[in-house]
Amino acid sequence: MSSYMENHDAVIQNLEDAGCDPETVAKLMELGMTGNRKNQLKLLEQHRKRLLEKVHENEKRIDCLDYLVFQMSKEKKD
């Protein structure tokens, strides 16, 4: 069975595509090379949490815009 760390370029590209900054990518790669899976997973979970917080912030913004559009459309019909 091959390790996901065997293809460094693919792992780095995946981390960059996931929005990890260069410092996080370097730290994750270092942890991966030393076999420190526990701390790797911890860093990935922290990054995931930050991304999800951004999603929720943007959902709230979209809700505000939707409400405004609804109110404007309602006035137009009156």
PDB file of N, CA and C in Angstrom:
ATOM      1  N   MET A   1       0.848  -1.180   0.000  1.00  0.00           N
ATOM      2  CA  MET A   1       0.000   0.000   0.000  1.00  0.00           C
ATOM      3  C   MET A   1       0.893   1.242   0.000  1.00  0.00           C
ATOM      4  N   SER A   2       0.595   2.176  -0.873  1.00  0.00           N
ATOM      5  CA  SER A   2       1.430   3.373  -0.963  1.00  0.00           C
ATOM      6  C   SER A   2       0.903   4.470  -0.041  1.00  0.00           C
ATOM      7  N   SER A   3       1.809   5.317   0.386  1.00  0.00           N
ATOM      8  CA  SER A   3       1.461   6.425   1.263  1.00  0.00           C
ATOM      9  C   SER A   3       1.058   7.642   0.426  1.00  0.00           C
ATOM     10  N   TYR A   4       0.115   8.393   0.925  1.00  0.00           N
ATOM     11  CA  TYR A   4      -0.299   9.619   0.236  1.00  0.00           C
ATOM     12  C   TYR A   4       0.858  10.605   0.109  1.00  0.00           C
ATOM     13  N   MET A   5       1.873  10.476   0.968  1.00  0.00           N
ATOM     14  CA  MET A   5       3.014  11.401   0.965  1.00  0.00           C
ATOM     15  C   MET A   5       4.027  11.086  -0.134  1.00  0.00           C
ATOM     16  N   GLU A   6       3.855   9.977  -0.830  1.00  0.00           N
ATOM     17  CA  GLU A   6       4.819   9.607  -1.871  1.00  0.00           C
ATOM     18  C   GLU A   6       4.831  10.607  -3.023  1.00  0.00           C
ATOM     19  N   ASN A   7       3.703  11.192  -3.320  1.00  0.00           N
ATOM     20  CA  ASN A   7       3.628  12.166  -4.407  1.00  0.00           C
ATOM     21  C   ASN A   7       3.548  13.576  -3.801  1.00  0.00           C
ATOM     22  N   HIS A   8       4.689  14.122  -3.438  1.00  0.00           N
ATOM     23  CA  HIS A   8       4.766  15.430  -2.764  1.00  0.00           C
ATOM     24  C   HIS A   8       4.069  16.522  -3.564  1.00  0.00           C
ATOM     25  N   ASP A   9       4.301  16.544  -4.858  1.00  0.00           N
ATOM     26  CA  ASP A   9       3.716  17.605  -5.682  1.00  0.00           C
ATOM     27  C   ASP A   9       2.201  17.580  -5.629  1.00  0.00           C
ATOM     28  N   ALA A  10       1.621  16.379  -5.675  1.00  0.00           N
ATOM     29  CA  ALA A  10       0.165  16.259  -5.626  1.00  0.00           C
ATOM     30  C   ALA A  10      -0.377  16.705  -4.271  1.00  0.00           C
ATOM     31  N   VAL A  11       0.322  16.347  -3.203  1.00  0.00           N
ATOM     32  CA  VAL A  11      -0.112  16.753  -1.861  1.00  0.00           C
ATOM     33  C   VAL A  11      -0.030  18.269  -1.726  1.00  0.00           C
ATOM     34  N   ILE A  12       1.073  18.842  -2.170  1.00  0.00           N
ATOM     35  CA  ILE A  12       1.237  20.300  -2.095  1.00  0.00           C
ATOM     36  C   ILE A  12       0.160  20.999  -2.918  1.00  0.00           C
ATOM     37  N   GLN A  13      -0.105  20.500  -4.112  1.00  0.00           N
ATOM     38  CA  GLN A  13      -1.134  21.106  -4.959  1.00  0.00           C
ATOM     39  C   GLN A  13      -2.500  21.022  -4.287  1.00  0.00           C
ATOM     40  N   ASN A  14      -2.794  19.892  -3.674  1.00  0.00           N
ATOM     41  CA  ASN A  14      -4.070  19.729  -2.980  1.00  0.00           C
ATOM     42  C   ASN A  14      -4.203  20.719  -1.836  1.00  0.00           C
ATOM     43  N   LEU A  15      -3.132  20.887  -1.067  1.00  0.00           N
ATOM     44  CA  LEU A  15      -3.160  21.829   0.058  1.00  0.00           C
ATOM     45  C   LEU A  15      -3.334  23.263  -0.440  1.00  0.00           C
ATOM     46  N   GLU A  16      -2.635  23.607  -1.519  1.00  0.00           N
ATOM     47  CA  GLU A  16      -2.785  24.956  -2.090  1.00  0.00           C
ATOM     48  C   GLU A  16      -4.196  25.163  -2.625  1.00  0.00           C
ATOM     49  N   ASP A  17      -4.729  24.143  -3.289  1.00  0.00           N
ATOM     50  CA  ASP A  17      -6.096  24.235  -3.800  1.00  0.00           C
ATOM     51  C   ASP A  17      -7.113  24.393  -2.673  1.00  0.00           C
ATOM     52  N   ALA A  18      -6.772  23.855  -1.509  1.00  0.00           N
ATOM     53  CA  ALA A  18      -7.640  23.959  -0.336  1.00  0.00           C
ATOM     54  C   ALA A  18      -7.473  25.296   0.383  1.00  0.00           C
ATOM     55  N   GLY A  19      -6.590  26.147  -0.143  1.00  0.00           N
ATOM     56  CA  GLY A  19      -6.419  27.476   0.425  1.00  0.00           C
ATOM     57  C   GLY A  19      -5.392  27.575   1.535  1.00  0.00           C
ATOM     58  N   CYS A  20      -4.575  26.562   1.695  1.00  0.00           N
ATOM     59  CA  CYS A  20      -3.529  26.619   2.726  1.00  0.00           C
ATOM     60  C   CYS A  20      -2.438  27.597   2.290  1.00  0.00           C
ATOM     61  N   ASP A  21      -1.971  28.417   3.232  1.00  0.00           N
ATOM     62  CA  ASP A  21      -0.884  29.342   2.924  1.00  0.00           C
ATOM     63  C   ASP A  21       0.437  28.572   2.901  1.00  0.00           C
ATOM     64  N   PRO A  22       1.488  29.165   2.327  1.00  0.00           N
ATOM     65  CA  PRO A  22       2.773  28.461   2.205  1.00  0.00           C
ATOM     66  C   PRO A  22       3.333  27.953   3.534  1.00  0.00           C
ATOM     67  N   GLU A  23       3.134  28.707   4.594  1.00  0.00           N
ATOM     68  CA  GLU A  23       3.623  28.280   5.908  1.00  0.00           C
ATOM     69  C   GLU A  23       2.913  27.006   6.370  1.00  0.00           C
ATOM     70  N   THR A  24       1.611  26.958   6.180  1.00  0.00           N
ATOM     71  CA  THR A  24       0.841  25.775   6.567  1.00  0.00           C
ATOM     72  C   THR A  24       1.220  24.576   5.712  1.00  0.00           C
ATOM     73  N   VAL A  25       1.390  24.806   4.416  1.00  0.00           N
ATOM     74  CA  VAL A  25       1.808  23.726   3.519  1.00  0.00           C
ATOM     75  C   VAL A  25       3.142  23.150   3.986  1.00  0.00           C
ATOM     76  N   ALA A  26       4.091  24.015   4.272  1.00  0.00           N
ATOM     77  CA  ALA A  26       5.412  23.566   4.712  1.00  0.00           C
ATOM     78  C   ALA A  26       5.318  22.767   6.010  1.00  0.00           C
ATOM     79  N   LYS A  27       4.527  23.259   6.941  1.00  0.00           N
ATOM     80  CA  LYS A  27       4.386  22.574   8.229  1.00  0.00           C
ATOM     81  C   LYS A  27       3.732  21.207   8.046  1.00  0.00           C
ATOM     82  N   LEU A  28       2.692  21.155   7.219  1.00  0.00           N
ATOM     83  CA  LEU A  28       2.019  19.885   6.976  1.00  0.00           C
ATOM     84  C   LEU A  28       2.946  18.878   6.293  1.00  0.00           C
ATOM     85  N   MET A  29       3.741  19.355   5.350  1.00  0.00           N
ATOM     86  CA  MET A  29       4.680  18.464   4.666  1.00  0.00           C
ATOM     87  C   MET A  29       5.748  17.960   5.638  1.00  0.00           C
ATOM     88  N   GLU A  30       6.234  18.850   6.488  1.00  0.00           N
ATOM     89  CA  GLU A  30       7.237  18.459   7.478  1.00  0.00           C
ATOM     90  C   GLU A  30       6.676  17.400   8.421  1.00  0.00           C
ATOM     91  N   LEU A  31       5.463  17.635   8.897  1.00  0.00           N
ATOM     92  CA  LEU A  31       4.827  16.664   9.785  1.00  0.00           C
ATOM     93  C   LEU A  31       4.597  15.334   9.071  1.00  0.00           C
ATOM     94  N   GLY A  32       4.242  15.409   7.796  1.00  0.00           N
ATOM     95  CA  GLY A  32       4.033  14.190   7.032  1.00  0.00           C
ATOM     96  C   GLY A  32       5.298  13.389   6.835  1.00  0.00           C
ATOM     97  N   MET A  33       6.391  14.079   6.604  1.00  0.00           N
ATOM     98  CA  MET A  33       7.662  13.393   6.387  1.00  0.00           C
ATOM     99  C   MET A  33       8.174  12.734   7.670  1.00  0.00           C
ATOM    100  N   THR A  34       7.806  13.295   8.814  1.00  0.00           N
ATOM    101  CA  THR A  34       8.232  12.700  10.083  1.00  0.00           C
ATOM    102  C   THR A  34       7.201  11.705  10.623  1.00  0.00           C
ATOM    103  N   GLY A  35       6.107  11.546   9.892  1.00  0.00           N
ATOM    104  CA  GLY A  35       5.086  10.584  10.294  1.00  0.00           C
ATOM    105  C   GLY A  35       4.199  11.052  11.427  1.00  0.00           C
ATOM    106  N   ASN A  36       4.158  12.346  11.658  1.00  0.00           N
ATOM    107  CA  ASN A  36       3.355  12.896  12.745  1.00  0.00           C
ATOM    108  C   ASN A  36       1.923  13.151  12.256  1.00  0.00           C
ATOM    109  N   ARG A  37       1.210  12.075  12.017  1.00  0.00           N
ATOM    110  CA  ARG A  37      -0.137  12.138  11.457  1.00  0.00           C
ATOM    111  C   ARG A  37      -1.109  12.884  12.386  1.00  0.00           C
ATOM    112  N   LYS A  38      -0.960  12.685  13.684  1.00  0.00           N
ATOM    113  CA  LYS A  38      -1.861  13.314  14.654  1.00  0.00           C
ATOM    114  C   LYS A  38      -1.842  14.840  14.513  1.00  0.00           C
ATOM    115  N   ASN A  39      -0.658  15.438  14.467  1.00  0.00           N
ATOM    116  CA  ASN A  39      -0.568  16.892  14.353  1.00  0.00           C
ATOM    117  C   ASN A  39      -0.932  17.387  12.951  1.00  0.00           C
ATOM    118  N   GLN A  40      -0.684  16.535  11.948  1.00  0.00           N
ATOM    119  CA  GLN A  40      -1.115  16.885  10.597  1.00  0.00           C
ATOM    120  C   GLN A  40      -2.632  17.018  10.557  1.00  0.00           C
ATOM    121  N   LEU A  41      -3.300  16.019  11.099  1.00  0.00           N
ATOM    122  CA  LEU A  41      -4.766  16.039  11.111  1.00  0.00           C
ATOM    123  C   LEU A  41      -5.302  17.222  11.917  1.00  0.00           C
ATOM    124  N   LYS A  42      -4.615  17.557  12.990  1.00  0.00           N
ATOM    125  CA  LYS A  42      -5.021  18.695  13.815  1.00  0.00           C
ATOM    126  C   LYS A  42      -4.942  19.998  13.002  1.00  0.00           C
ATOM    127  N   LEU A  43      -3.840  20.187  12.271  1.00  0.00           N
ATOM    128  CA  LEU A  43      -3.698  21.387  11.434  1.00  0.00           C
ATOM    129  C   LEU A  43      -4.746  21.432  10.329  1.00  0.00           C
ATOM    130  N   LEU A  44      -4.996  20.296   9.710  1.00  0.00           N
ATOM    131  CA  LEU A  44      -6.001  20.249   8.648  1.00  0.00           C
ATOM    132  C   LEU A  44      -7.388  20.569   9.196  1.00  0.00           C
ATOM    133  N   GLU A  45      -7.699  20.062  10.374  1.00  0.00           N
ATOM    134  CA  GLU A  45      -8.996  20.348  10.987  1.00  0.00           C
ATOM    135  C   GLU A  45      -9.127  21.831  11.325  1.00  0.00           C
ATOM    136  N   GLN A  46      -8.040  22.443  11.789  1.00  0.00           N
ATOM    137  CA  GLN A  46      -8.070  23.880  12.083  1.00  0.00           C
ATOM    138  C   GLN A  46      -8.320  24.684  10.811  1.00  0.00           C
ATOM    139  N   HIS A  47      -7.656  24.289   9.728  1.00  0.00           N
ATOM    140  CA  HIS A  47      -7.856  24.993   8.455  1.00  0.00           C
ATOM    141  C   HIS A  47      -9.291  24.807   7.971  1.00  0.00           C
ATOM    142  N   ARG A  48      -9.795  23.596   8.082  1.00  0.00           N
ATOM    143  CA  ARG A  48     -11.173  23.311   7.678  1.00  0.00           C
ATOM    144  C   ARG A  48     -12.160  24.170   8.475  1.00  0.00           C
ATOM    145  N   LYS A  49     -11.905  24.302   9.764  1.00  0.00           N
ATOM    146  CA  LYS A  49     -12.776  25.103  10.625  1.00  0.00           C
ATOM    147  C   LYS A  49     -12.778  26.567  10.178  1.00  0.00           C
ATOM    148  N   ARG A  50     -11.603  27.098   9.838  1.00  0.00           N
ATOM    149  CA  ARG A  50     -11.526  28.488   9.361  1.00  0.00           C
ATOM    150  C   ARG A  50     -12.293  28.660   8.049  1.00  0.00           C
ATOM    151  N   LEU A  51     -12.156  27.692   7.155  1.00  0.00           N
ATOM    152  CA  LEU A  51     -12.881  27.758   5.885  1.00  0.00           C
ATOM    153  C   LEU A  51     -14.389  27.720   6.115  1.00  0.00           C
ATOM    154  N   LEU A  52     -14.821  26.856   7.006  1.00  0.00           N
ATOM    155  CA  LEU A  52     -16.248  26.738   7.290  1.00  0.00           C
ATOM    156  C   LEU A  52     -16.794  28.012   7.927  1.00  0.00           C
ATOM    157  N   GLU A  53     -16.006  28.654   8.771  1.00  0.00           N
ATOM    158  CA  GLU A  53     -16.426  29.930   9.357  1.00  0.00           C
ATOM    159  C   GLU A  53     -16.632  30.982   8.270  1.00  0.00           C
ATOM    160  N   LYS A  54     -15.755  30.984   7.267  1.00  0.00           N
ATOM    161  CA  LYS A  54     -15.906  31.917   6.147  1.00  0.00           C
ATOM    162  C   LYS A  54     -17.169  31.619   5.355  1.00  0.00           C
ATOM    163  N   VAL A  55     -17.456  30.344   5.172  1.00  0.00           N
ATOM    164  CA  VAL A  55     -18.684  29.955   4.473  1.00  0.00           C
ATOM    165  C   VAL A  55     -19.898  30.498   5.221  1.00  0.00           C
ATOM    166  N   HIS A  56     -19.916  30.318   6.528  1.00  0.00           N
ATOM    167  CA  HIS A  56     -21.050  30.787   7.320  1.00  0.00           C
ATOM    168  C   HIS A  56     -21.175  32.309   7.281  1.00  0.00           C
ATOM    169  N   GLU A  57     -20.053  33.005   7.330  1.00  0.00           N
ATOM    170  CA  GLU A  57     -20.090  34.463   7.221  1.00  0.00           C
ATOM    171  C   GLU A  57     -20.702  34.880   5.886  1.00  0.00           C
ATOM    172  N   ASN A  58     -20.297  34.222   4.816  1.00  0.00           N
ATOM    173  CA  ASN A  58     -20.816  34.563   3.496  1.00  0.00           C
ATOM    174  C   ASN A  58     -22.272  34.157   3.329  1.00  0.00           C
ATOM    175  N   GLU A  59     -22.691  33.078   3.983  1.00  0.00           N
ATOM    176  CA  GLU A  59     -24.105  32.705   3.953  1.00  0.00           C
ATOM    177  C   GLU A  59     -24.958  33.803   4.575  1.00  0.00           C
ATOM    178  N   LYS A  60     -24.477  34.375   5.675  1.00  0.00           N
ATOM    179  CA  LYS A  60     -25.207  35.468   6.325  1.00  0.00           C
ATOM    180  C   LYS A  60     -25.298  36.674   5.392  1.00  0.00           C
ATOM    181  N   ARG A  61     -24.228  36.969   4.690  1.00  0.00           N
ATOM    182  CA  ARG A  61     -24.228  38.085   3.747  1.00  0.00           C
ATOM    183  C   ARG A  61     -25.211  37.843   2.612  1.00  0.00           C
ATOM    184  N   ILE A  62     -25.225  36.617   2.120  1.00  0.00           N
ATOM    185  CA  ILE A  62     -26.165  36.268   1.053  1.00  0.00           C
ATOM    186  C   ILE A  62     -27.598  36.395   1.548  1.00  0.00           C
ATOM    187  N   ASP A  63     -27.859  35.960   2.775  1.00  0.00           N
ATOM    188  CA  ASP A  63     -29.201  36.109   3.351  1.00  0.00           C
ATOM    189  C   ASP A  63     -29.609  37.575   3.407  1.00  0.00           C
ATOM    190  N   CYS A  64     -28.682  38.455   3.762  1.00  0.00           N
ATOM    191  CA  CYS A  64     -28.983  39.894   3.809  1.00  0.00           C
ATOM    192  C   CYS A  64     -29.335  40.409   2.418  1.00  0.00           C
ATOM    193  N   LEU A  65     -28.559  39.993   1.425  1.00  0.00           N
ATOM    194  CA  LEU A  65     -28.856  40.421   0.051  1.00  0.00           C
ATOM    195  C   LEU A  65     -30.191  39.865  -0.427  1.00  0.00           C
ATOM    196  N   ASP A  66     -30.454  38.614  -0.119  1.00  0.00           N
ATOM    197  CA  ASP A  66     -31.730  38.007  -0.512  1.00  0.00           C
ATOM    198  C   ASP A  66     -32.902  38.752   0.107  1.00  0.00           C
ATOM    199  N   TYR A  67     -32.753  39.151   1.365  1.00  0.00           N
ATOM    200  CA  TYR A  67     -33.819  39.893   2.033  1.00  0.00           C
ATOM    201  C   TYR A  67     -34.046  41.235   1.345  1.00  0.00           C
ATOM    202  N   LEU A  68     -32.962  41.915   1.013  1.00  0.00           N
ATOM    203  CA  LEU A  68     -33.081  43.208   0.334  1.00  0.00           C
ATOM    204  C   LEU A  68     -33.751  43.043  -1.030  1.00  0.00           C
ATOM    205  N   VAL A  69     -33.340  42.041  -1.780  1.00  0.00           N
ATOM    206  CA  VAL A  69     -33.959  41.783  -3.085  1.00  0.00           C
ATOM    207  C   VAL A  69     -35.436  41.475  -2.904  1.00  0.00           C
ATOM    208  N   PHE A  70     -35.774  40.687  -1.905  1.00  0.00           N
ATOM    209  CA  PHE A  70     -37.172  40.370  -1.622  1.00  0.00           C
ATOM    210  C   PHE A  70     -37.962  41.636  -1.324  1.00  0.00           C
ATOM    211  N   GLN A  71     -37.418  42.495  -0.467  1.00  0.00           N
ATOM    212  CA  GLN A  71     -38.102  43.734  -0.111  1.00  0.00           C
ATOM    213  C   GLN A  71     -38.274  44.636  -1.330  1.00  0.00           C
ATOM    214  N   MET A  72     -37.259  44.727  -2.159  1.00  0.00           N
ATOM    215  CA  MET A  72     -37.329  45.563  -3.367  1.00  0.00           C
ATOM    216  C   MET A  72     -38.349  44.999  -4.349  1.00  0.00           C
ATOM    217  N   SER A  73     -38.383  43.708  -4.499  1.00  0.00           N
ATOM    218  CA  SER A  73     -39.350  43.071  -5.412  1.00  0.00           C
ATOM    219  C   SER A  73     -40.759  43.258  -4.912  1.00  0.00           C
ATOM    220  N   LYS A  74     -40.947  43.207  -3.619  1.00  0.00           N
ATOM    221  CA  LYS A  74     -42.262  43.383  -3.008  1.00  0.00           C
ATOM    222  C   LYS A  74     -42.770  44.797  -3.267  1.00  0.00           C
ATOM    223  N   GLU A  75     -41.904  45.802  -3.145  1.00  0.00           N
ATOM    224  CA  GLU A  75     -42.305  47.183  -3.400  1.00  0.00           C
ATOM    225  C   GLU A  75     -42.681  47.396  -4.861  1.00  0.00           C
ATOM    226  N   LYS A  76     -41.950  46.743  -5.734  1.00  0.00           N
ATOM    227  CA  LYS A  76     -42.174  46.871  -7.172  1.00  0.00           C
ATOM    228  C   LYS A  76     -43.583  46.419  -7.543  1.00  0.00           C
ATOM    229  N   LYS A  77     -44.101  45.398  -6.872  1.00  0.00           N
ATOM    230  CA  LYS A  77     -45.415  44.855  -7.165  1.00  0.00           C
ATOM    231  C   LYS A  77     -46.532  45.742  -6.632  1.00  0.00           C
ATOM    232  N   ASP A  78     -46.237  46.517  -5.625  1.00  0.00           N
ATOM    233  CA  ASP A  78     -47.262  47.373  -5.000  1.00  0.00           C
ATOM    234  C   ASP A  78     -47.682  48.502  -5.887  1.00  0.00           C
TER     235      ASP A  78
END
